[in-house]
N, C-alpha and C. Protein backbone atom coordinates (compact mmCIF):
# COMPACT_ATOMS: atom_id res chain seq x y z
N MET A 1 76.28 129.14 50.93
CA MET A 1 76.03 127.85 51.55
C MET A 1 76.75 127.81 52.89
N ALA A 2 76.09 127.32 53.91
CA ALA A 2 76.72 127.14 55.20
C ALA A 2 77.77 126.05 55.05
N ILE A 3 78.99 126.36 55.41
CA ILE A 3 80.10 125.46 55.15
C ILE A 3 79.97 124.14 55.91
N PHE A 4 79.68 124.20 57.20
CA PHE A 4 79.74 122.98 58.01
C PHE A 4 78.38 122.35 58.27
N ASN A 5 77.31 123.08 58.00
CA ASN A 5 75.99 122.52 58.24
C ASN A 5 75.01 122.99 57.16
N PRO A 6 75.27 122.61 55.92
CA PRO A 6 74.39 123.05 54.84
C PRO A 6 73.02 122.39 54.96
N SER A 7 72.01 123.08 54.47
CA SER A 7 70.67 122.50 54.45
C SER A 7 70.59 121.44 53.36
N ARG A 8 69.54 120.67 53.40
CA ARG A 8 69.31 119.66 52.36
C ARG A 8 69.27 120.32 50.99
N GLU A 9 68.59 121.45 50.91
CA GLU A 9 68.47 122.16 49.63
C GLU A 9 69.83 122.67 49.15
N GLU A 10 70.64 123.21 50.06
CA GLU A 10 71.97 123.72 49.67
C GLU A 10 72.86 122.60 49.14
N VAL A 11 72.81 121.45 49.77
CA VAL A 11 73.62 120.31 49.32
C VAL A 11 73.18 119.89 47.92
N ARG A 12 71.90 119.76 47.73
CA ARG A 12 71.37 119.32 46.44
C ARG A 12 71.67 120.33 45.35
N ARG A 13 71.50 121.62 45.66
CA ARG A 13 71.82 122.66 44.66
C ARG A 13 73.31 122.65 44.31
N PHE A 14 74.16 122.45 45.32
CA PHE A 14 75.60 122.40 45.06
C PHE A 14 75.90 121.32 44.03
N PHE A 15 75.40 120.11 44.24
CA PHE A 15 75.69 119.01 43.32
C PHE A 15 75.08 119.26 41.94
N CYS A 16 73.84 119.70 41.90
CA CYS A 16 73.19 119.96 40.61
C CYS A 16 73.90 121.07 39.84
N ASP A 17 74.25 122.15 40.55
CA ASP A 17 74.95 123.26 39.89
C ASP A 17 76.34 122.83 39.41
N ALA A 18 77.04 122.07 40.24
CA ALA A 18 78.37 121.59 39.84
C ALA A 18 78.27 120.67 38.62
N TRP A 19 77.24 119.84 38.59
CA TRP A 19 77.06 118.93 37.45
C TRP A 19 76.79 119.71 36.17
N LYS A 20 75.92 120.72 36.27
CA LYS A 20 75.62 121.54 35.09
C LYS A 20 76.87 122.24 34.58
N LYS A 21 77.68 122.75 35.51
CA LYS A 21 78.92 123.41 35.11
C LYS A 21 79.88 122.41 34.46
N LYS A 22 79.95 121.21 35.03
CA LYS A 22 80.87 120.19 34.49
C LYS A 22 80.47 119.80 33.08
N ILE A 23 79.19 119.53 32.84
CA ILE A 23 78.80 119.08 31.50
C ILE A 23 78.83 120.23 30.49
N ALA A 24 78.80 121.48 30.98
CA ALA A 24 78.92 122.64 30.09
C ALA A 24 80.38 123.06 29.94
N ALA A 25 81.30 122.29 30.51
CA ALA A 25 82.74 122.57 30.45
C ALA A 25 83.08 123.96 30.98
N GLN A 26 82.38 124.36 32.04
CA GLN A 26 82.68 125.64 32.69
C GLN A 26 83.75 125.44 33.75
N ILE A 27 84.31 126.53 34.22
CA ILE A 27 85.35 126.47 35.26
C ILE A 27 84.69 126.07 36.58
N LEU A 28 85.31 125.09 37.24
CA LEU A 28 84.80 124.58 38.50
C LEU A 28 85.72 124.99 39.64
N THR A 29 85.14 125.16 40.82
CA THR A 29 85.96 125.36 42.02
C THR A 29 86.64 124.03 42.33
N PRO A 30 87.66 124.03 43.19
CA PRO A 30 88.29 122.75 43.56
C PRO A 30 87.29 121.73 44.12
N LEU A 31 86.37 122.18 44.98
CA LEU A 31 85.37 121.26 45.54
C LEU A 31 84.42 120.75 44.46
N GLU A 32 84.02 121.63 43.56
CA GLU A 32 83.16 121.21 42.45
C GLU A 32 83.87 120.21 41.54
N THR A 33 85.18 120.38 41.38
CA THR A 33 85.96 119.45 40.55
C THR A 33 85.93 118.06 41.16
N ILE A 34 86.16 117.97 42.46
CA ILE A 34 86.12 116.67 43.14
C ILE A 34 84.72 116.08 43.04
N ALA A 35 83.72 116.91 43.32
CA ALA A 35 82.33 116.44 43.23
C ALA A 35 82.02 115.97 41.81
N GLY A 36 82.46 116.74 40.83
CA GLY A 36 82.22 116.38 39.43
C GLY A 36 82.84 115.06 39.05
N ASP A 37 84.03 114.80 39.57
CA ASP A 37 84.68 113.51 39.30
C ASP A 37 83.85 112.36 39.86
N TRP A 38 83.34 112.52 41.09
CA TRP A 38 82.52 111.46 41.69
C TRP A 38 81.18 111.33 40.98
N MET A 39 80.59 112.46 40.62
CA MET A 39 79.31 112.39 39.89
C MET A 39 79.50 111.69 38.55
N GLY A 40 80.64 111.94 37.91
CA GLY A 40 80.93 111.29 36.64
C GLY A 40 81.00 109.78 36.77
N GLN A 41 81.38 109.30 37.94
CA GLN A 41 81.48 107.86 38.17
C GLN A 41 80.15 107.23 38.61
N HIS A 42 79.12 108.06 38.66
CA HIS A 42 77.79 107.57 39.03
C HIS A 42 76.77 107.96 37.97
N PRO A 43 76.84 107.30 36.79
CA PRO A 43 75.92 107.65 35.70
C PRO A 43 74.45 107.46 36.08
N GLU A 44 74.19 106.62 37.06
CA GLU A 44 72.81 106.41 37.49
C GLU A 44 72.19 107.67 38.11
N TYR A 45 73.02 108.66 38.46
CA TYR A 45 72.52 109.90 39.05
C TYR A 45 72.43 111.05 38.04
N HIS A 46 72.94 110.88 36.84
CA HIS A 46 73.04 111.99 35.90
C HIS A 46 71.71 112.64 35.56
N ALA A 47 70.68 111.87 35.32
CA ALA A 47 69.37 112.46 34.99
C ALA A 47 68.85 113.29 36.15
N LEU A 48 68.98 112.79 37.35
CA LEU A 48 68.54 113.51 38.53
C LEU A 48 69.34 114.80 38.71
N LEU A 49 70.65 114.72 38.55
CA LEU A 49 71.50 115.90 38.72
C LEU A 49 71.21 116.98 37.69
N SER A 50 70.68 116.58 36.54
CA SER A 50 70.35 117.53 35.48
C SER A 50 68.99 118.19 35.70
N ASP A 51 68.25 117.72 36.71
CA ASP A 51 66.90 118.24 37.01
C ASP A 51 66.88 118.76 38.44
N SER A 52 67.39 120.00 38.64
CA SER A 52 67.51 120.51 40.01
C SER A 52 66.18 120.59 40.73
N GLU A 53 65.14 121.00 40.04
CA GLU A 53 63.85 121.11 40.74
C GLU A 53 63.35 119.73 41.18
N GLY A 54 63.50 118.75 40.31
CA GLY A 54 63.13 117.38 40.69
C GLY A 54 63.98 116.87 41.83
N ALA A 55 65.27 117.21 41.80
CA ALA A 55 66.19 116.77 42.84
C ALA A 55 65.80 117.37 44.19
N LEU A 56 65.38 118.64 44.17
CA LEU A 56 65.00 119.30 45.42
C LEU A 56 63.73 118.69 46.01
N ALA A 57 62.85 118.22 45.16
CA ALA A 57 61.55 117.71 45.62
C ALA A 57 61.60 116.25 46.06
N GLN A 58 62.58 115.50 45.59
CA GLN A 58 62.63 114.06 45.82
C GLN A 58 62.96 113.72 47.27
N ASP A 59 62.24 112.74 47.83
CA ASP A 59 62.57 112.20 49.15
C ASP A 59 63.11 110.80 48.96
N TYR A 60 64.08 110.45 49.77
CA TYR A 60 64.68 109.12 49.70
C TYR A 60 64.51 108.49 51.07
N THR A 61 63.84 107.35 51.11
CA THR A 61 63.62 106.70 52.40
C THR A 61 64.10 105.26 52.34
N PRO A 62 64.70 104.80 53.44
CA PRO A 62 65.14 103.40 53.47
C PRO A 62 63.97 102.45 53.27
N GLU A 63 62.78 102.86 53.74
CA GLU A 63 61.60 102.00 53.59
C GLU A 63 61.28 101.72 52.13
N ARG A 64 61.60 102.68 51.27
CA ARG A 64 61.37 102.49 49.83
C ARG A 64 62.57 101.84 49.16
N GLY A 65 63.58 101.50 49.94
CA GLY A 65 64.75 100.82 49.41
C GLY A 65 65.60 101.68 48.51
N GLU A 66 65.58 102.98 48.74
CA GLU A 66 66.30 103.90 47.87
C GLU A 66 67.55 104.46 48.56
N THR A 67 68.61 104.56 47.79
CA THR A 67 69.81 105.23 48.25
C THR A 67 69.66 106.70 47.93
N ASN A 68 70.02 107.54 48.89
CA ASN A 68 69.99 108.98 48.64
C ASN A 68 71.26 109.36 47.89
N PRO A 69 71.13 109.73 46.61
CA PRO A 69 72.34 110.03 45.82
C PRO A 69 73.13 111.21 46.38
N PHE A 70 72.45 112.14 47.02
CA PHE A 70 73.15 113.32 47.56
C PHE A 70 73.93 112.96 48.81
N LEU A 71 73.39 112.08 49.61
CA LEU A 71 74.14 111.58 50.77
C LEU A 71 75.34 110.77 50.28
N HIS A 72 75.12 109.94 49.29
CA HIS A 72 76.19 109.10 48.75
C HIS A 72 77.33 109.97 48.21
N LEU A 73 76.99 110.97 47.41
CA LEU A 73 78.02 111.86 46.85
C LEU A 73 78.69 112.69 47.93
N SER A 74 77.92 113.11 48.94
CA SER A 74 78.49 113.87 50.06
C SER A 74 79.49 113.02 50.82
N MET A 75 79.19 111.73 50.96
CA MET A 75 80.13 110.85 51.65
C MET A 75 81.41 110.68 50.83
N HIS A 76 81.28 110.59 49.50
CA HIS A 76 82.48 110.55 48.65
C HIS A 76 83.34 111.79 48.90
N LEU A 77 82.69 112.97 48.94
CA LEU A 77 83.44 114.21 49.18
C LEU A 77 84.12 114.19 50.54
N SER A 78 83.39 113.76 51.54
CA SER A 78 83.92 113.72 52.90
C SER A 78 85.12 112.78 52.99
N ILE A 79 84.99 111.61 52.40
CA ILE A 79 86.08 110.63 52.43
C ILE A 79 87.28 111.15 51.64
N SER A 80 87.03 111.79 50.50
CA SER A 80 88.14 112.37 49.72
C SER A 80 88.89 113.40 50.55
N GLU A 81 88.17 114.22 51.28
CA GLU A 81 88.79 115.23 52.15
C GLU A 81 89.58 114.56 53.28
N GLN A 82 88.99 113.55 53.89
CA GLN A 82 89.68 112.82 54.97
C GLN A 82 91.00 112.25 54.48
N ILE A 83 90.96 111.66 53.30
CA ILE A 83 92.18 111.06 52.73
C ILE A 83 93.20 112.15 52.42
N SER A 84 92.74 113.27 51.87
CA SER A 84 93.68 114.33 51.47
C SER A 84 94.42 114.93 52.66
N ILE A 85 93.76 114.99 53.81
CA ILE A 85 94.40 115.57 55.01
C ILE A 85 94.82 114.49 56.01
N ASP A 86 94.62 113.23 55.65
CA ASP A 86 94.97 112.08 56.50
C ASP A 86 94.37 112.19 57.90
N GLN A 87 93.05 112.45 57.93
CA GLN A 87 92.31 112.51 59.18
C GLN A 87 91.09 111.61 59.09
N PRO A 88 90.94 110.63 59.94
CA PRO A 88 91.83 110.32 61.05
C PRO A 88 93.19 109.81 60.55
N PRO A 89 94.21 110.05 61.35
CA PRO A 89 95.56 109.64 60.92
C PRO A 89 95.61 108.16 60.54
N GLY A 90 96.11 107.90 59.35
CA GLY A 90 96.21 106.53 58.87
C GLY A 90 95.23 106.22 57.76
N ILE A 91 94.19 107.05 57.59
CA ILE A 91 93.18 106.76 56.56
C ILE A 91 93.77 106.81 55.16
N ARG A 92 94.73 107.70 54.94
CA ARG A 92 95.32 107.81 53.60
C ARG A 92 95.99 106.49 53.21
N GLN A 93 96.78 105.93 54.11
CA GLN A 93 97.48 104.67 53.82
C GLN A 93 96.48 103.52 53.65
N ILE A 94 95.48 103.50 54.50
CA ILE A 94 94.44 102.46 54.39
C ILE A 94 93.76 102.56 53.03
N ALA A 95 93.41 103.78 52.63
CA ALA A 95 92.73 103.99 51.34
C ALA A 95 93.63 103.57 50.18
N GLU A 96 94.92 103.94 50.26
CA GLU A 96 95.86 103.56 49.19
C GLU A 96 95.99 102.04 49.10
N ASN A 97 96.14 101.37 50.24
CA ASN A 97 96.27 99.91 50.26
C ASN A 97 95.00 99.25 49.72
N LEU A 98 93.85 99.76 50.14
CA LEU A 98 92.58 99.19 49.71
C LEU A 98 92.36 99.40 48.21
N THR A 99 92.76 100.56 47.71
CA THR A 99 92.64 100.85 46.28
C THR A 99 93.49 99.86 45.48
N LYS A 100 94.71 99.62 45.95
CA LYS A 100 95.58 98.63 45.27
C LYS A 100 94.97 97.24 45.34
N LYS A 101 94.48 96.86 46.51
CA LYS A 101 93.90 95.53 46.72
C LYS A 101 92.68 95.30 45.82
N LEU A 102 91.81 96.32 45.72
CA LEU A 102 90.57 96.18 44.95
C LEU A 102 90.74 96.59 43.49
N GLY A 103 91.84 97.30 43.19
CA GLY A 103 92.07 97.76 41.83
C GLY A 103 91.19 98.91 41.41
N SER A 104 90.60 99.61 42.40
CA SER A 104 89.67 100.70 42.08
C SER A 104 89.53 101.65 43.27
N GLU A 105 89.81 102.93 43.02
CA GLU A 105 89.61 103.94 44.07
C GLU A 105 88.13 104.02 44.44
N HIS A 106 87.27 103.89 43.44
CA HIS A 106 85.83 103.98 43.67
C HIS A 106 85.37 102.85 44.59
N ASP A 107 85.78 101.62 44.29
CA ASP A 107 85.40 100.49 45.13
C ASP A 107 85.96 100.65 46.54
N ALA A 108 87.19 101.16 46.63
CA ALA A 108 87.80 101.38 47.95
C ALA A 108 86.98 102.39 48.74
N GLN A 109 86.57 103.46 48.08
CA GLN A 109 85.77 104.46 48.78
C GLN A 109 84.43 103.89 49.22
N HIS A 110 83.84 103.03 48.44
CA HIS A 110 82.57 102.43 48.85
C HIS A 110 82.75 101.57 50.10
N ARG A 111 83.86 100.88 50.20
CA ARG A 111 84.13 100.08 51.41
C ARG A 111 84.35 100.99 52.61
N ILE A 112 85.10 102.08 52.41
CA ILE A 112 85.33 103.06 53.48
C ILE A 112 83.99 103.68 53.88
N MET A 113 83.14 103.95 52.90
CA MET A 113 81.83 104.55 53.14
C MET A 113 80.98 103.67 54.06
N GLU A 114 81.08 102.36 53.88
CA GLU A 114 80.34 101.44 54.75
C GLU A 114 80.78 101.63 56.20
N CYS A 115 82.08 101.77 56.42
CA CYS A 115 82.60 101.98 57.77
C CYS A 115 82.12 103.32 58.33
N LEU A 116 82.21 104.37 57.52
CA LEU A 116 81.79 105.69 57.95
C LEU A 116 80.30 105.69 58.28
N GLY A 117 79.49 105.10 57.42
CA GLY A 117 78.05 105.04 57.65
C GLY A 117 77.72 104.31 58.95
N GLN A 118 78.44 103.23 59.22
CA GLN A 118 78.20 102.46 60.43
C GLN A 118 78.52 103.27 61.69
N VAL A 119 79.68 103.95 61.70
CA VAL A 119 80.04 104.71 62.91
C VAL A 119 79.13 105.94 63.07
N ILE A 120 78.66 106.52 61.97
CA ILE A 120 77.71 107.64 62.08
C ILE A 120 76.39 107.12 62.66
N TRP A 121 75.92 106.01 62.14
CA TRP A 121 74.67 105.43 62.62
C TRP A 121 74.76 105.10 64.11
N GLU A 122 75.87 104.46 64.52
CA GLU A 122 76.04 104.11 65.94
C GLU A 122 76.07 105.35 66.82
N ALA A 123 76.77 106.39 66.38
CA ALA A 123 76.85 107.62 67.16
C ALA A 123 75.46 108.24 67.30
N GLN A 124 74.70 108.27 66.22
CA GLN A 124 73.35 108.84 66.27
C GLN A 124 72.45 107.99 67.17
N ARG A 125 72.55 106.68 67.01
CA ARG A 125 71.72 105.77 67.82
C ARG A 125 72.00 105.94 69.30
N ASP A 126 73.30 106.08 69.65
CA ASP A 126 73.69 106.17 71.05
C ASP A 126 73.69 107.60 71.58
N GLY A 127 73.44 108.57 70.70
CA GLY A 127 73.41 109.97 71.12
C GLY A 127 74.77 110.48 71.58
N VAL A 128 75.83 110.02 70.92
CA VAL A 128 77.19 110.44 71.28
C VAL A 128 77.89 110.97 70.04
N PRO A 129 78.98 111.74 70.23
CA PRO A 129 79.75 112.21 69.07
C PRO A 129 80.37 111.03 68.32
N LEU A 130 80.60 111.23 67.04
CA LEU A 130 81.27 110.21 66.23
C LEU A 130 82.65 109.94 66.81
N SER A 131 83.00 108.68 66.91
CA SER A 131 84.29 108.30 67.47
C SER A 131 85.30 108.04 66.35
N PRO A 132 86.30 108.94 66.21
CA PRO A 132 87.34 108.70 65.20
C PRO A 132 88.08 107.39 65.46
N GLU A 133 88.20 107.02 66.72
CA GLU A 133 88.90 105.76 67.07
C GLU A 133 88.14 104.55 66.53
N LYS A 134 86.83 104.54 66.74
CA LYS A 134 86.01 103.43 66.22
C LYS A 134 86.05 103.38 64.70
N TYR A 135 86.02 104.56 64.09
CA TYR A 135 86.06 104.66 62.63
C TYR A 135 87.38 104.08 62.12
N LEU A 136 88.49 104.49 62.71
CA LEU A 136 89.80 104.01 62.28
C LEU A 136 89.94 102.51 62.53
N GLU A 137 89.42 102.04 63.66
CA GLU A 137 89.45 100.61 63.98
C GLU A 137 88.70 99.82 62.90
N SER A 138 87.55 100.34 62.49
CA SER A 138 86.75 99.70 61.44
C SER A 138 87.50 99.72 60.10
N LEU A 139 88.15 100.84 59.81
CA LEU A 139 88.90 100.97 58.56
C LEU A 139 90.07 99.99 58.51
N LYS A 140 90.74 99.80 59.62
CA LYS A 140 91.91 98.90 59.66
C LYS A 140 91.52 97.48 59.31
N LYS A 141 90.28 97.10 59.58
CA LYS A 141 89.82 95.75 59.27
C LYS A 141 89.62 95.53 57.78
N LEU A 142 89.63 96.63 56.99
CA LEU A 142 89.44 96.52 55.55
C LEU A 142 90.69 95.99 54.84
N ASN A 143 91.87 96.24 55.43
CA ASN A 143 93.13 95.83 54.79
C ASN A 143 93.51 94.47 55.21
């Protein structure tokens, strides 16, 4: 799998394969372990994750009002990584405070995800690189 720019198929296979390994109690890589934890918290995706061929064929469009489960899980992984390395600087403390405030790491990550999604959308819309400053500014408003 291309580390920094995986294809849609590679992302979907990663999650489906990690899910199969998790439910079969097989040894997981560190990244698969994190992914497995997030997949475990999303039972609404379990049937899809168990059907790799169906997962590869499925399209998710905003027009159909569907959330892309693979994008959602990828954002959980990305946010978990950001928190673990504290990049952008300050995100770890913001996430910890938000988790305490909401009483749930999962709920905190969903709030952070809204900020990340917004800054990604704005960067794409404006044709500019993602601004870590805008992202951090948005995150600070959560606490």
